[in-house]
């Protein structure tokens, strides 16, 4: 009988240990499910943030491309204006030369006409 009591006691102890292990297992499963849900929520949140950042990067890239095209257009306009300005300066210099030549000729004609008037 003593053996039976000892065995019964051991079985009861093992049952208690098994019950404790089962309870711990259920608690661990609940914790695992909660952590899985939290990870899933974090993943969704991070994906949303990533999508938002990707969209902002795309918009910024588009803006840079547009501004780059505008800068290219303005650069071409500046080059064209510089060329036209250079041509205008050359024309002004040519006009100045022609005016100077005209003034010299006018003085010669004026001197010549003064000389011819006195002879008549």
Protein backbone atom coordinates (compact mmCIF):
# COMPACT_ATOMS: atom_id res chain seq x y z
CA UNK A 1 0.00 0.00 0.00
CA UNK A 2 2.78 2.30 0.73
CA UNK A 3 4.02 1.79 -2.79
CA UNK A 4 0.58 2.54 -4.11
CA UNK A 5 0.37 5.71 -2.07
CA UNK A 6 3.84 6.73 -3.24
CA UNK A 7 2.89 5.98 -6.83
CA UNK A 8 -0.39 7.86 -6.44
CA UNK A 9 1.49 10.78 -4.99
CA UNK A 10 3.97 10.69 -7.88
CA UNK A 11 1.10 10.51 -10.38
CA UNK A 12 -0.59 13.47 -8.70
CA UNK A 13 2.69 15.38 -8.77
CA UNK A 14 3.15 14.52 -12.44
CA UNK A 15 -0.46 15.54 -13.12
CA UNK A 16 0.24 18.86 -11.40
CA UNK A 17 3.41 19.32 -13.44
CA UNK A 18 1.57 18.40 -16.64
CA UNK A 19 -1.24 20.80 -15.75
CA UNK A 20 1.35 23.53 -15.12
CA UNK A 21 3.06 22.76 -18.41
CA UNK A 22 -0.31 22.80 -20.25
CA UNK A 23 -1.15 26.16 -18.66
CA UNK A 24 2.26 27.56 -19.58
CA UNK A 25 1.83 26.22 -23.13
CA UNK A 26 -1.58 27.93 -23.45
CA UNK A 27 -0.13 31.18 -22.07
CA UNK A 28 2.80 30.96 -24.48
CA UNK A 29 0.40 30.37 -27.39
CA UNK A 30 -1.61 33.47 -26.39
CA UNK A 31 1.58 35.51 -26.15
CA UNK A 32 2.75 34.14 -29.49
CA UNK A 33 -0.60 35.06 -31.12
CA UNK A 34 -0.42 38.57 -29.63
CA UNK A 35 3.15 39.00 -30.85
CA UNK A 36 2.18 37.69 -34.30
CA UNK A 37 -0.66 40.22 -34.46
CA UNK A 38 1.67 43.02 -33.34
CA UNK A 39 4.23 42.02 -35.95
CA UNK A 40 1.51 41.97 -38.61
CA UNK A 41 0.27 45.43 -37.57
CA UNK A 42 3.84 46.77 -37.54
CA UNK A 43 4.43 45.27 -40.97
CA UNK A 44 1.28 46.95 -42.34
CA UNK A 45 2.25 50.24 -40.71
CA UNK A 46 5.77 50.08 -42.09
CA UNK A 47 4.46 49.16 -45.53
CA UNK A 48 2.11 52.16 -45.47
CA UNK A 49 4.99 54.42 -44.44
CA UNK A 50 7.18 52.92 -47.15
CA UNK A 51 4.44 53.48 -49.74
CA UNK A 52 4.08 57.10 -48.62
CA UNK A 53 7.83 57.67 -48.78
CA UNK A 54 8.02 56.00 -52.20
CA UNK A 55 5.23 58.25 -53.47
CA UNK A 56 7.01 61.34 -52.10
CA UNK A 57 10.27 60.26 -53.72
CA UNK A 58 8.48 59.72 -57.01
CA UNK A 59 6.85 63.16 -56.82
CA UNK A 60 10.16 64.78 -55.90
CA UNK A 61 11.91 63.01 -58.77
CA UNK A 62 9.21 64.21 -61.16
CA UNK A 63 9.59 67.73 -59.86
CA UNK A 64 13.36 67.58 -60.31
CA UNK A 65 12.93 66.31 -63.86
CA UNK A 66 10.53 69.15 -64.68
CA UNK A 67 12.82 71.73 -63.12
CA UNK A 68 15.79 70.24 -64.92
CA UNK A 69 13.96 70.55 -68.22
CA UNK A 70 13.10 74.17 -67.36
CA UNK A 71 16.72 74.88 -66.50
CA UNK A 72 17.83 73.32 -69.80
CA UNK A 73 15.36 75.52 -71.66
CA UNK A 74 16.51 78.61 -69.81
CA UNK A 75 20.15 77.73 -70.49
CA UNK A 76 19.40 77.48 -74.20
CA UNK A 77 17.60 80.84 -74.06
CA UNK A 78 20.57 82.43 -72.30
CA UNK A 79 22.96 81.06 -74.92
CA UNK A 80 20.72 82.38 -77.68
CA UNK A 81 20.53 85.80 -76.02
CA UNK A 82 24.31 85.87 -75.54
CA UNK A 83 24.75 85.10 -79.25
CA UNK A 84 22.26 87.78 -80.26
CA UNK A 85 23.91 90.27 -77.90
CA UNK A 86 27.31 89.51 -79.43
CA UNK A 87 25.88 90.00 -82.93
CA UNK A 88 24.27 93.28 -81.85
CA UNK A 89 27.58 94.53 -80.42
CA UNK A 90 29.30 93.69 -83.72
CA UNK A 91 26.62 95.57 -85.65
CA UNK A 92 26.91 98.59 -83.35
CA UNK A 93 30.68 98.58 -83.91
CA UNK A 94 30.12 98.41 -87.68
CA UNK A 95 27.66 101.31 -87.47
CA UNK A 96 30.18 103.32 -85.43
CA UNK A 97 32.82 102.70 -88.10
CA UNK A 98 30.40 103.78 -90.85
CA UNK A 99 29.41 106.90 -88.89
CA UNK A 100 33.08 107.78 -88.36
CA UNK A 101 33.79 107.29 -92.06
CA UNK A 102 30.76 109.42 -92.94
CA UNK A 103 31.88 112.20 -90.61
CA UNK A 104 35.39 112.15 -92.14
CA UNK A 105 33.89 112.30 -95.65
CA UNK A 106 31.55 115.12 -94.59
CA UNK A 107 34.49 117.11 -93.29
CA UNK A 108 36.39 116.52 -96.53
CA UNK A 109 33.38 117.53 -98.63
CA UNK A 110 32.82 120.54 -96.44
CA UNK A 111 36.43 121.59 -96.83
CA UNK A 112 36.31 120.85 -100.55
CA UNK A 113 33.09 122.81 -101.05
CA UNK A 114 34.52 125.77 -99.14
CA UNK A 115 37.54 125.71 -101.42
CA UNK A 116 35.48 125.47 -104.61
CA UNK A 117 33.13 128.25 -103.57
CA UNK A 118 36.01 130.65 -103.19
CA UNK A 119 37.24 130.01 -106.73
CA UNK A 120 34.03 130.76 -108.51
